[in-house]
């Protein structure tokens, strides 16, 4: 998008939300619980993975491949791997921002509040551009996970499914689908702004 942060309001956009990066988790929770296309896709994905986990646990227990507890241990390995993937997840966001034209990208993290985010300082992203950025890690990591699932042994399939189950998607722009939404980050003040018209 060819707007600069100081020209957003003069182009007819009104402030919808101001997100302080320290408050990222409550902000995401608010919008992930709204019923939208993306939150429904996220919930459906999780339900399918959860159903697959249940089916494989029972199936492999019946076949004698592993016990339920062994399967659950490998599932927990997947949860741990998902947390280890956070730097890669954010790097994919940064690559997606760069693919949309952002020049000044970086990362922010707060281990005490347990948030990690990619920042594109002063880059005004349109709804479509931000959707590319928001969905890129979900698409990439889920696709890689599904490919790995095809080749995984029963034990490793539980680990891959645990990783996929822990992964999340973001639905802010779909919630505001009746508006033309733009966003930008202010790295110095650790704030993201969302405008709409």
N, C-alpha and C. Protein backbone atom coordinates (compact mmCIF):
# COMPACT_ATOMS: atom_id res chain seq x y z
N UNK A 1 0.86 -1.18 0.00
CA UNK A 1 0.00 0.00 0.00
C UNK A 1 0.90 1.23 0.00
N UNK A 2 0.47 2.26 -0.66
CA UNK A 2 1.31 3.45 -0.82
C UNK A 2 1.01 4.55 0.18
N UNK A 3 0.44 4.21 1.33
CA UNK A 3 0.17 5.21 2.37
C UNK A 3 1.30 5.22 3.38
N UNK A 4 1.51 6.38 3.99
CA UNK A 4 2.43 6.51 5.11
C UNK A 4 1.58 6.67 6.38
N UNK A 5 2.11 6.29 7.53
CA UNK A 5 1.32 6.38 8.76
C UNK A 5 0.72 7.76 9.02
N UNK A 6 1.46 8.82 8.69
CA UNK A 6 0.93 10.17 8.96
C UNK A 6 -0.11 10.63 7.95
N UNK A 7 -0.39 9.82 6.90
CA UNK A 7 -1.42 10.20 5.93
C UNK A 7 -2.64 9.28 5.98
N UNK A 8 -2.65 8.32 6.90
CA UNK A 8 -3.76 7.37 6.96
C UNK A 8 -5.08 8.09 7.24
N UNK A 9 -5.12 8.92 8.28
CA UNK A 9 -6.38 9.60 8.64
C UNK A 9 -6.81 10.59 7.57
N UNK A 10 -5.87 11.28 6.94
CA UNK A 10 -6.24 12.24 5.90
C UNK A 10 -6.76 11.55 4.64
N UNK A 11 -6.59 10.22 4.55
CA UNK A 11 -7.14 9.45 3.44
C UNK A 11 -8.48 8.80 3.80
N UNK A 12 -9.10 9.28 4.88
CA UNK A 12 -10.45 8.84 5.23
C UNK A 12 -10.55 7.66 6.18
N UNK A 13 -9.44 7.19 6.72
CA UNK A 13 -9.47 6.07 7.65
C UNK A 13 -9.66 6.57 9.08
N UNK A 14 -10.44 5.80 9.85
CA UNK A 14 -10.65 6.13 11.26
C UNK A 14 -10.04 5.02 12.12
N UNK A 15 -9.51 5.40 13.27
CA UNK A 15 -8.88 4.43 14.17
C UNK A 15 -9.91 3.44 14.70
N UNK A 16 -9.66 2.13 14.49
CA UNK A 16 -10.52 1.07 15.01
C UNK A 16 -9.97 0.52 16.33
N UNK A 17 -8.68 0.25 16.33
CA UNK A 17 -8.04 -0.31 17.52
C UNK A 17 -6.59 0.14 17.59
N UNK A 18 -6.14 0.21 18.83
CA UNK A 18 -4.74 0.52 19.12
C UNK A 18 -4.26 -0.63 20.00
N UNK A 19 -3.31 -1.39 19.50
CA UNK A 19 -2.83 -2.57 20.22
C UNK A 19 -1.45 -2.31 20.79
N UNK A 20 -1.37 -2.25 22.12
CA UNK A 20 -0.07 -2.17 22.78
C UNK A 20 0.49 -3.58 22.76
N UNK A 21 1.73 -3.74 22.31
CA UNK A 21 2.30 -5.07 22.14
C UNK A 21 2.32 -5.87 23.43
N UNK A 22 2.38 -5.20 24.58
CA UNK A 22 2.33 -5.90 25.86
C UNK A 22 0.96 -6.54 26.10
N UNK A 23 -0.05 -6.10 25.36
CA UNK A 23 -1.41 -6.62 25.51
C UNK A 23 -1.82 -7.51 24.34
N UNK A 24 -0.85 -8.10 23.66
CA UNK A 24 -1.12 -8.91 22.47
C UNK A 24 -2.02 -10.10 22.76
N UNK A 25 -1.74 -10.83 23.82
CA UNK A 25 -2.49 -12.07 24.09
C UNK A 25 -3.99 -11.79 24.31
N UNK A 26 -4.39 -10.83 25.17
CA UNK A 26 -5.83 -10.56 25.31
C UNK A 26 -6.47 -10.08 24.01
N UNK A 27 -5.73 -9.30 23.22
CA UNK A 27 -6.25 -8.80 21.94
C UNK A 27 -6.54 -9.97 21.00
N UNK A 28 -5.61 -10.89 20.87
CA UNK A 28 -5.79 -12.05 19.99
C UNK A 28 -6.94 -12.91 20.50
N UNK A 29 -7.03 -13.11 21.81
CA UNK A 29 -8.13 -13.91 22.38
C UNK A 29 -9.49 -13.30 22.03
N UNK A 30 -9.58 -11.99 22.10
CA UNK A 30 -10.84 -11.31 21.79
C UNK A 30 -11.29 -11.63 20.38
N UNK A 31 -10.35 -11.55 19.42
CA UNK A 31 -10.74 -11.73 18.02
C UNK A 31 -10.76 -13.18 17.58
N UNK A 32 -10.00 -14.04 18.22
CA UNK A 32 -10.02 -15.45 17.83
C UNK A 32 -11.33 -16.10 18.26
N UNK A 33 -12.00 -15.52 19.28
CA UNK A 33 -13.27 -16.07 19.76
C UNK A 33 -14.48 -15.54 18.98
N UNK A 34 -14.27 -14.57 18.10
CA UNK A 34 -15.36 -14.07 17.26
C UNK A 34 -15.61 -15.08 16.14
N UNK A 35 -16.84 -15.27 15.75
CA UNK A 35 -17.18 -16.21 14.69
C UNK A 35 -16.97 -15.54 13.34
N UNK A 36 -15.89 -15.91 12.68
CA UNK A 36 -15.56 -15.38 11.36
C UNK A 36 -15.14 -16.54 10.47
N UNK A 37 -14.92 -16.26 9.21
CA UNK A 37 -14.43 -17.28 8.28
C UNK A 37 -13.14 -17.92 8.78
N UNK A 38 -12.18 -17.08 9.19
CA UNK A 38 -10.88 -17.60 9.61
C UNK A 38 -10.96 -18.31 10.95
N UNK A 39 -11.74 -17.78 11.90
CA UNK A 39 -11.84 -18.48 13.18
C UNK A 39 -12.58 -19.80 13.00
N UNK A 40 -13.57 -19.84 12.10
CA UNK A 40 -14.26 -21.10 11.81
C UNK A 40 -13.32 -22.10 11.15
N UNK A 41 -12.48 -21.62 10.22
CA UNK A 41 -11.49 -22.49 9.59
C UNK A 41 -10.51 -23.01 10.62
N UNK A 42 -10.08 -22.15 11.52
CA UNK A 42 -9.18 -22.53 12.59
C UNK A 42 -9.82 -23.60 13.48
N UNK A 43 -11.07 -23.37 13.88
CA UNK A 43 -11.76 -24.34 14.74
C UNK A 43 -11.96 -25.67 14.01
N UNK A 44 -12.34 -25.61 12.74
CA UNK A 44 -12.53 -26.84 11.95
C UNK A 44 -11.21 -27.60 11.83
N UNK A 45 -10.12 -26.88 11.57
CA UNK A 45 -8.80 -27.51 11.48
C UNK A 45 -8.46 -28.22 12.79
N UNK A 46 -8.67 -27.54 13.90
CA UNK A 46 -8.37 -28.14 15.20
C UNK A 46 -9.26 -29.35 15.49
N UNK A 47 -10.55 -29.26 15.13
CA UNK A 47 -11.44 -30.40 15.34
C UNK A 47 -11.02 -31.61 14.50
N UNK A 48 -10.64 -31.35 13.24
CA UNK A 48 -10.18 -32.45 12.38
C UNK A 48 -8.90 -33.09 12.93
N UNK A 49 -7.97 -32.26 13.37
CA UNK A 49 -6.72 -32.79 13.93
C UNK A 49 -7.01 -33.55 15.22
N UNK A 50 -7.87 -32.99 16.07
CA UNK A 50 -8.22 -33.64 17.33
C UNK A 50 -8.89 -34.99 17.07
N UNK A 51 -9.80 -35.02 16.10
CA UNK A 51 -10.48 -36.28 15.74
C UNK A 51 -9.47 -37.30 15.20
N UNK A 52 -8.51 -36.82 14.39
CA UNK A 52 -7.48 -37.70 13.85
C UNK A 52 -6.61 -38.26 14.96
N UNK A 53 -6.26 -37.41 15.94
CA UNK A 53 -5.48 -37.86 17.10
C UNK A 53 -6.23 -38.97 17.82
N UNK A 54 -7.51 -38.73 18.11
CA UNK A 54 -8.32 -39.74 18.81
C UNK A 54 -8.40 -41.04 18.02
N UNK A 55 -8.65 -40.92 16.73
CA UNK A 55 -8.75 -42.12 15.88
C UNK A 55 -7.44 -42.89 15.89
N UNK A 56 -6.31 -42.19 15.69
CA UNK A 56 -5.00 -42.87 15.63
C UNK A 56 -4.60 -43.48 16.98
N UNK A 57 -4.94 -42.79 18.07
CA UNK A 57 -4.65 -43.36 19.38
C UNK A 57 -5.36 -44.69 19.57
N UNK A 58 -6.65 -44.70 19.27
CA UNK A 58 -7.44 -45.92 19.43
C UNK A 58 -6.99 -46.99 18.44
N UNK A 59 -6.80 -46.60 17.19
CA UNK A 59 -6.41 -47.55 16.14
C UNK A 59 -5.07 -48.22 16.45
N UNK A 60 -4.07 -47.42 16.79
CA UNK A 60 -2.75 -47.99 17.06
C UNK A 60 -2.72 -48.76 18.38
N UNK A 61 -3.57 -48.37 19.33
CA UNK A 61 -3.70 -49.16 20.56
C UNK A 61 -4.27 -50.53 20.23
N UNK A 62 -5.31 -50.56 19.40
CA UNK A 62 -5.92 -51.83 19.01
C UNK A 62 -4.96 -52.70 18.21
N UNK A 63 -4.13 -52.09 17.37
CA UNK A 63 -3.16 -52.85 16.58
C UNK A 63 -1.94 -53.26 17.40
N UNK A 64 -1.81 -52.69 18.58
CA UNK A 64 -0.65 -53.00 19.42
C UNK A 64 0.61 -52.24 19.04
N UNK A 65 0.46 -51.19 18.21
CA UNK A 65 1.61 -50.39 17.79
C UNK A 65 2.21 -49.64 18.98
N UNK A 66 1.34 -49.05 19.80
CA UNK A 66 1.77 -48.37 21.02
C UNK A 66 0.60 -48.29 21.98
N UNK A 67 0.92 -48.02 23.23
CA UNK A 67 -0.12 -47.85 24.25
C UNK A 67 -0.67 -46.43 24.16
N UNK A 68 -1.80 -46.21 24.79
CA UNK A 68 -2.39 -44.86 24.82
C UNK A 68 -1.40 -43.88 25.45
N UNK A 69 -0.77 -44.27 26.54
CA UNK A 69 0.17 -43.35 27.22
C UNK A 69 1.37 -43.04 26.33
N UNK A 70 1.88 -44.03 25.59
CA UNK A 70 2.99 -43.77 24.67
C UNK A 70 2.57 -42.79 23.57
N UNK A 71 1.36 -42.98 23.07
CA UNK A 71 0.84 -42.06 22.05
C UNK A 71 0.69 -40.65 22.58
N UNK A 72 0.20 -40.53 23.83
CA UNK A 72 0.03 -39.21 24.44
C UNK A 72 1.37 -38.53 24.71
N UNK A 73 2.38 -39.31 25.07
CA UNK A 73 3.71 -38.74 25.27
C UNK A 73 4.23 -38.14 23.97
N UNK A 74 4.06 -38.87 22.86
CA UNK A 74 4.50 -38.33 21.56
C UNK A 74 3.68 -37.12 21.14
N UNK A 75 2.41 -37.11 21.50
CA UNK A 75 1.56 -35.94 21.23
C UNK A 75 2.12 -34.73 21.99
N UNK A 76 2.54 -34.93 23.23
CA UNK A 76 3.11 -33.84 24.02
C UNK A 76 4.43 -33.35 23.43
N UNK A 77 5.20 -34.25 22.83
CA UNK A 77 6.41 -33.82 22.13
C UNK A 77 6.04 -32.81 21.04
N UNK A 78 4.93 -33.06 20.38
CA UNK A 78 4.46 -32.14 19.34
C UNK A 78 4.12 -30.77 19.90
N UNK A 79 3.50 -30.74 21.10
CA UNK A 79 3.20 -29.46 21.75
C UNK A 79 4.49 -28.69 21.99
N UNK A 80 5.51 -29.40 22.49
CA UNK A 80 6.81 -28.76 22.77
C UNK A 80 7.45 -28.24 21.49
N UNK A 81 7.39 -29.03 20.42
CA UNK A 81 7.97 -28.61 19.14
C UNK A 81 7.28 -27.36 18.62
N UNK A 82 5.96 -27.26 18.82
CA UNK A 82 5.23 -26.06 18.37
C UNK A 82 5.79 -24.81 19.03
N UNK A 83 6.14 -24.89 20.31
CA UNK A 83 6.73 -23.73 20.99
C UNK A 83 8.13 -23.43 20.47
N UNK A 84 8.88 -24.48 20.14
CA UNK A 84 10.21 -24.28 19.57
C UNK A 84 10.14 -23.68 18.17
N UNK A 85 9.00 -23.85 17.49
CA UNK A 85 8.82 -23.31 16.14
C UNK A 85 8.48 -21.81 16.14
N UNK A 86 8.24 -21.22 17.32
CA UNK A 86 7.84 -19.81 17.37
C UNK A 86 8.80 -18.88 16.62
N UNK A 87 10.13 -19.03 16.77
CA UNK A 87 11.01 -18.15 15.98
C UNK A 87 10.82 -18.34 14.47
N UNK A 88 10.63 -19.57 14.03
CA UNK A 88 10.40 -19.83 12.60
C UNK A 88 9.07 -19.23 12.17
N UNK A 89 8.05 -19.39 13.02
CA UNK A 89 6.73 -18.81 12.76
C UNK A 89 6.84 -17.30 12.53
N UNK A 90 7.56 -16.62 13.43
CA UNK A 90 7.71 -15.17 13.29
C UNK A 90 8.57 -14.80 12.08
N UNK A 91 9.57 -15.62 11.78
CA UNK A 91 10.40 -15.37 10.60
C UNK A 91 9.57 -15.47 9.33
N UNK A 92 8.63 -16.40 9.29
CA UNK A 92 7.72 -16.51 8.14
C UNK A 92 6.87 -15.25 8.02
N UNK A 93 6.39 -14.71 9.17
CA UNK A 93 5.67 -13.43 9.14
C UNK A 93 6.54 -12.34 8.53
N UNK A 94 7.80 -12.27 8.97
CA UNK A 94 8.72 -11.24 8.46
C UNK A 94 8.92 -11.39 6.96
N UNK A 95 9.13 -12.62 6.49
CA UNK A 95 9.29 -12.86 5.05
C UNK A 95 8.02 -12.45 4.29
N UNK A 96 6.86 -12.72 4.87
CA UNK A 96 5.60 -12.33 4.24
C UNK A 96 5.47 -10.81 4.20
N UNK A 97 5.86 -10.13 5.30
CA UNK A 97 5.85 -8.66 5.29
C UNK A 97 6.76 -8.13 4.19
N UNK A 98 7.96 -8.70 4.09
CA UNK A 98 8.90 -8.25 3.05
C UNK A 98 8.33 -8.49 1.66
N UNK A 99 7.63 -9.62 1.48
CA UNK A 99 7.03 -9.92 0.17
C UNK A 99 5.95 -8.90 -0.20
N UNK A 100 5.40 -8.22 0.82
CA UNK A 100 4.35 -7.22 0.58
C UNK A 100 4.92 -5.81 0.49
N UNK A 101 6.26 -5.67 0.64
CA UNK A 101 6.89 -4.37 0.45
C UNK A 101 7.45 -3.72 1.70
N UNK A 102 7.33 -4.33 2.86
CA UNK A 102 7.87 -3.74 4.09
C UNK A 102 9.39 -3.76 4.05
N UNK A 103 9.99 -2.65 4.45
CA UNK A 103 11.45 -2.55 4.43
C UNK A 103 12.08 -2.71 5.81
N UNK A 104 11.42 -2.21 6.85
CA UNK A 104 11.99 -2.22 8.19
C UNK A 104 11.24 -3.23 9.05
N UNK A 105 11.71 -4.47 9.03
CA UNK A 105 11.06 -5.53 9.80
C UNK A 105 11.96 -5.96 10.95
N UNK A 106 11.33 -6.44 12.02
CA UNK A 106 12.07 -6.93 13.18
C UNK A 106 11.14 -7.83 13.99
N UNK A 107 11.64 -8.27 15.14
CA UNK A 107 10.87 -9.13 16.02
C UNK A 107 10.74 -8.46 17.37
N UNK A 108 9.69 -8.80 18.08
CA UNK A 108 9.52 -8.35 19.45
C UNK A 108 9.08 -9.57 20.26
N UNK A 109 9.52 -9.64 21.49
CA UNK A 109 9.15 -10.77 22.35
C UNK A 109 9.14 -10.32 23.80
N UNK A 110 8.28 -10.95 24.56
CA UNK A 110 8.24 -10.75 26.00
C UNK A 110 7.99 -12.12 26.62
N UNK A 111 9.02 -12.71 27.19
CA UNK A 111 8.90 -14.05 27.74
C UNK A 111 8.02 -14.09 28.99
N UNK A 112 7.99 -12.99 29.74
CA UNK A 112 7.16 -12.95 30.94
C UNK A 112 5.68 -13.03 30.58
N UNK A 113 5.27 -12.27 29.56
CA UNK A 113 3.88 -12.30 29.11
C UNK A 113 3.67 -13.33 28.00
N UNK A 114 4.73 -13.98 27.60
CA UNK A 114 4.75 -15.02 26.59
C UNK A 114 4.09 -14.57 25.28
N UNK A 115 4.67 -13.53 24.69
CA UNK A 115 4.26 -13.17 23.33
C UNK A 115 5.48 -12.97 22.47
N UNK A 116 5.29 -13.24 21.19
CA UNK A 116 6.32 -13.08 20.16
C UNK A 116 5.60 -12.48 18.96
N UNK A 117 6.21 -11.49 18.31
CA UNK A 117 5.56 -10.95 17.12
C UNK A 117 6.58 -10.36 16.16
N UNK A 118 6.17 -10.40 14.90
CA UNK A 118 6.95 -9.75 13.84
C UNK A 118 6.42 -8.33 13.70
N UNK A 119 7.32 -7.40 13.48
CA UNK A 119 6.96 -5.99 13.38
C UNK A 119 7.46 -5.43 12.05
N UNK A 120 6.60 -4.71 11.37
CA UNK A 120 6.98 -3.99 10.15
C UNK A 120 6.81 -2.51 10.44
N UNK A 121 7.86 -1.90 10.93
CA UNK A 121 7.80 -0.52 11.42
C UNK A 121 7.39 0.46 10.32
N UNK A 122 6.30 1.18 10.61
CA UNK A 122 5.79 2.26 9.76
C UNK A 122 5.35 1.78 8.36
N UNK A 123 5.10 0.49 8.20
CA UNK A 123 4.61 -0.03 6.93
C UNK A 123 3.10 -0.17 7.02
N UNK A 124 2.38 0.60 6.21
CA UNK A 124 0.92 0.55 6.21
C UNK A 124 0.50 -0.61 5.30
N UNK A 125 -0.11 -1.62 5.91
CA UNK A 125 -0.54 -2.81 5.17
C UNK A 125 -2.05 -2.78 4.97
N UNK A 126 -2.47 -3.09 3.77
CA UNK A 126 -3.90 -3.20 3.47
C UNK A 126 -4.42 -4.51 4.06
N UNK A 127 -5.73 -4.68 3.98
CA UNK A 127 -6.36 -5.90 4.48
C UNK A 127 -5.78 -7.12 3.78
N UNK A 128 -5.66 -7.08 2.46
CA UNK A 128 -5.13 -8.21 1.71
C UNK A 128 -3.68 -8.49 2.07
N UNK A 129 -2.89 -7.44 2.19
CA UNK A 129 -1.48 -7.61 2.54
C UNK A 129 -1.33 -8.21 3.94
N UNK A 130 -2.16 -7.73 4.88
CA UNK A 130 -2.05 -8.26 6.23
C UNK A 130 -2.56 -9.71 6.30
N UNK A 131 -3.56 -10.05 5.49
CA UNK A 131 -4.02 -11.44 5.47
C UNK A 131 -2.91 -12.37 4.99
N UNK A 132 -2.14 -11.93 3.99
CA UNK A 132 -0.99 -12.71 3.53
C UNK A 132 -0.02 -12.91 4.68
N UNK A 133 0.28 -11.82 5.40
CA UNK A 133 1.22 -11.87 6.53
C UNK A 133 0.67 -12.76 7.64
N UNK A 134 -0.60 -12.59 7.99
CA UNK A 134 -1.18 -13.32 9.11
C UNK A 134 -1.30 -14.82 8.83
N UNK A 135 -1.64 -15.17 7.60
CA UNK A 135 -1.89 -16.58 7.29
C UNK A 135 -0.65 -17.34 6.83
N UNK A 136 0.42 -16.63 6.48
CA UNK A 136 1.61 -17.31 5.93
C UNK A 136 2.15 -18.41 6.84
N UNK A 137 2.38 -18.17 8.14
CA UNK A 137 2.90 -19.26 8.98
C UNK A 137 1.92 -20.44 9.09
N UNK A 138 0.63 -20.13 9.19
CA UNK A 138 -0.38 -21.18 9.28
C UNK A 138 -0.32 -22.07 8.04
N UNK A 139 -0.27 -21.44 6.87
CA UNK A 139 -0.24 -22.20 5.61
C UNK A 139 1.06 -22.98 5.48
N UNK A 140 2.21 -22.33 5.72
CA UNK A 140 3.51 -22.98 5.54
C UNK A 140 3.69 -24.13 6.54
N UNK A 141 3.48 -23.85 7.82
CA UNK A 141 3.72 -24.87 8.85
C UNK A 141 2.71 -26.01 8.74
N UNK A 142 1.46 -25.69 8.45
CA UNK A 142 0.46 -26.74 8.28
C UNK A 142 0.77 -27.60 7.06
N UNK A 143 1.18 -26.97 5.96
CA UNK A 143 1.53 -27.73 4.75
C UNK A 143 2.71 -28.66 5.00
N UNK A 144 3.75 -28.14 5.64
CA UNK A 144 4.91 -28.98 5.97
C UNK A 144 4.49 -30.11 6.90
N UNK A 145 3.66 -29.81 7.89
CA UNK A 145 3.18 -30.83 8.82
C UNK A 145 2.40 -31.92 8.12
N UNK A 146 1.53 -31.54 7.18
CA UNK A 146 0.75 -32.54 6.45
C UNK A 146 1.63 -33.43 5.58
N UNK A 147 2.66 -32.84 4.97
CA UNK A 147 3.61 -33.64 4.17
C UNK A 147 4.35 -34.61 5.09
N UNK A 148 4.82 -34.11 6.24
CA UNK A 148 5.52 -34.98 7.19
C UNK A 148 4.62 -36.10 7.69
N UNK A 149 3.34 -35.79 7.85
CA UNK A 149 2.38 -36.77 8.34
C UNK A 149 2.28 -37.98 7.40
N UNK A 150 2.40 -37.72 6.10
CA UNK A 150 2.32 -38.80 5.11
C UNK A 150 3.47 -39.79 5.30
N UNK A 151 4.65 -39.30 5.67
CA UNK A 151 5.84 -40.14 5.77
C UNK A 151 6.16 -40.59 7.20
N UNK A 152 5.41 -40.09 8.18
CA UNK A 152 5.73 -40.35 9.58
C UNK A 152 5.33 -41.76 10.01
N UNK A 153 6.13 -42.31 10.92
CA UNK A 153 5.77 -43.57 11.57
C UNK A 153 4.60 -43.27 12.52
N UNK A 154 3.92 -44.29 13.02
CA UNK A 154 2.81 -44.02 13.95
C UNK A 154 3.22 -43.15 15.14
N UNK A 155 4.39 -43.43 15.73
CA UNK A 155 4.84 -42.59 16.86
C UNK A 155 5.02 -41.15 16.44
N UNK A 156 5.73 -40.93 15.32
CA UNK A 156 6.00 -39.57 14.87
C UNK A 156 4.74 -38.87 14.36
N UNK A 157 3.78 -39.64 13.87
CA UNK A 157 2.53 -39.00 13.42
C UNK A 157 1.84 -38.31 14.60
N UNK A 158 1.93 -38.90 15.79
CA UNK A 158 1.34 -38.26 16.97
C UNK A 158 2.07 -36.95 17.29
N UNK A 159 3.38 -36.95 17.11
CA UNK A 159 4.17 -35.73 17.36
C UNK A 159 3.80 -34.64 16.36
N UNK A 160 3.70 -35.00 15.09
CA UNK A 160 3.33 -34.03 14.05
C UNK A 160 1.93 -33.48 14.34
N UNK A 161 1.00 -34.35 14.70
CA UNK A 161 -0.36 -33.89 14.99
C UNK A 161 -0.39 -32.98 16.22
N UNK A 162 0.44 -33.27 17.21
CA UNK A 162 0.52 -32.39 18.38
C UNK A 162 1.01 -31.00 18.00
N UNK A 163 1.98 -30.95 17.08
CA UNK A 163 2.49 -29.67 16.61
C UNK A 163 1.40 -28.90 15.87
N UNK A 164 0.69 -29.59 14.98
CA UNK A 164 -0.36 -28.94 14.20
C UNK A 164 -1.50 -28.47 15.10
N UNK A 165 -1.83 -29.26 16.11
CA UNK A 165 -2.93 -28.91 17.00
C UNK A 165 -2.65 -27.63 17.79
N UNK A 166 -1.38 -27.38 18.06
CA UNK A 166 -0.99 -26.22 18.86
C UNK A 166 -0.93 -24.94 18.03
N UNK A 167 -0.90 -25.08 16.73
CA UNK A 167 -0.73 -23.92 15.86
C UNK A 167 -2.00 -23.08 15.79
N UNK A 168 -1.87 -21.76 15.64
CA UNK A 168 -3.05 -20.89 15.63
C UNK A 168 -3.08 -19.97 14.42
N UNK A 169 -4.26 -19.44 14.15
CA UNK A 169 -4.44 -18.45 13.08
C UNK A 169 -5.08 -17.20 13.69
N UNK A 170 -5.00 -16.09 12.99
CA UNK A 170 -5.48 -14.80 13.49
C UNK A 170 -6.62 -14.30 12.59
N UNK A 171 -7.70 -13.73 13.18
CA UNK A 171 -8.91 -13.45 12.39
C UNK A 171 -9.37 -12.00 12.45
N UNK A 172 -8.51 -11.06 12.84
CA UNK A 172 -8.95 -9.67 13.02
C UNK A 172 -9.58 -9.08 11.77
N UNK A 173 -8.91 -9.21 10.64
CA UNK A 173 -9.41 -8.54 9.44
C UNK A 173 -10.69 -9.16 8.93
N UNK A 174 -10.90 -10.44 9.13
CA UNK A 174 -12.14 -11.05 8.71
C UNK A 174 -13.30 -10.54 9.58
N UNK A 175 -13.02 -10.27 10.85
CA UNK A 175 -14.06 -9.73 11.73
C UNK A 175 -14.51 -8.36 11.22
N UNK A 176 -13.61 -7.58 10.65
CA UNK A 176 -13.93 -6.27 10.10
C UNK A 176 -14.07 -6.34 8.58
N UNK A 177 -14.71 -7.41 8.08
CA UNK A 177 -14.76 -7.61 6.64
C UNK A 177 -15.62 -6.57 5.92
N UNK A 178 -16.49 -5.86 6.65
CA UNK A 178 -17.32 -4.83 6.01
C UNK A 178 -16.57 -3.51 5.89
N UNK A 179 -15.33 -3.45 6.36
CA UNK A 179 -14.53 -2.22 6.29
C UNK A 179 -13.28 -2.47 5.46
N UNK A 180 -12.77 -1.39 4.89
CA UNK A 180 -11.45 -1.44 4.27
C UNK A 180 -10.46 -1.13 5.39
N UNK A 181 -9.73 -2.15 5.82
CA UNK A 181 -8.87 -2.03 6.99
C UNK A 181 -7.41 -1.93 6.57
N UNK A 182 -6.67 -1.05 7.27
CA UNK A 182 -5.22 -0.97 7.10
C UNK A 182 -4.59 -1.01 8.50
N UNK A 183 -3.34 -1.39 8.54
CA UNK A 183 -2.64 -1.46 9.82
C UNK A 183 -1.19 -1.04 9.64
N UNK A 184 -0.60 -0.58 10.73
CA UNK A 184 0.85 -0.35 10.74
C UNK A 184 1.36 -0.47 12.16
N UNK A 185 2.66 -0.76 12.27
CA UNK A 185 3.32 -0.91 13.56
C UNK A 185 4.18 0.31 13.84
N UNK A 186 4.23 0.67 15.11
CA UNK A 186 5.15 1.70 15.60
C UNK A 186 6.12 0.98 16.52
N UNK A 187 7.29 0.64 15.98
CA UNK A 187 8.26 -0.16 16.71
C UNK A 187 8.76 0.54 17.97
N UNK A 188 9.03 1.83 17.88
CA UNK A 188 9.60 2.57 19.01
C UNK A 188 8.65 2.54 20.21
N UNK A 189 7.37 2.78 19.96
CA UNK A 189 6.39 2.82 21.05
C UNK A 189 5.72 1.48 21.32
N UNK A 190 6.08 0.46 20.53
CA UNK A 190 5.53 -0.90 20.68
C UNK A 190 4.00 -0.91 20.61
N UNK A 191 3.49 -0.30 19.54
CA UNK A 191 2.04 -0.21 19.34
C UNK A 191 1.75 -0.57 17.88
N UNK A 192 0.64 -1.25 17.65
CA UNK A 192 0.11 -1.48 16.31
C UNK A 192 -1.23 -0.77 16.21
N UNK A 193 -1.46 -0.13 15.06
CA UNK A 193 -2.70 0.62 14.85
C UNK A 193 -3.51 -0.05 13.75
N UNK A 194 -4.84 -0.08 13.93
CA UNK A 194 -5.76 -0.63 12.94
C UNK A 194 -6.77 0.46 12.59
N UNK A 195 -6.84 0.78 11.32
CA UNK A 195 -7.75 1.81 10.83
C UNK A 195 -8.72 1.21 9.82
N UNK A 196 -9.90 1.82 9.71
CA UNK A 196 -10.87 1.34 8.74
C UNK A 196 -11.69 2.47 8.17
N UNK A 197 -12.29 2.21 6.99
CA UNK A 197 -13.26 3.17 6.43
C UNK A 197 -14.31 2.44 5.63
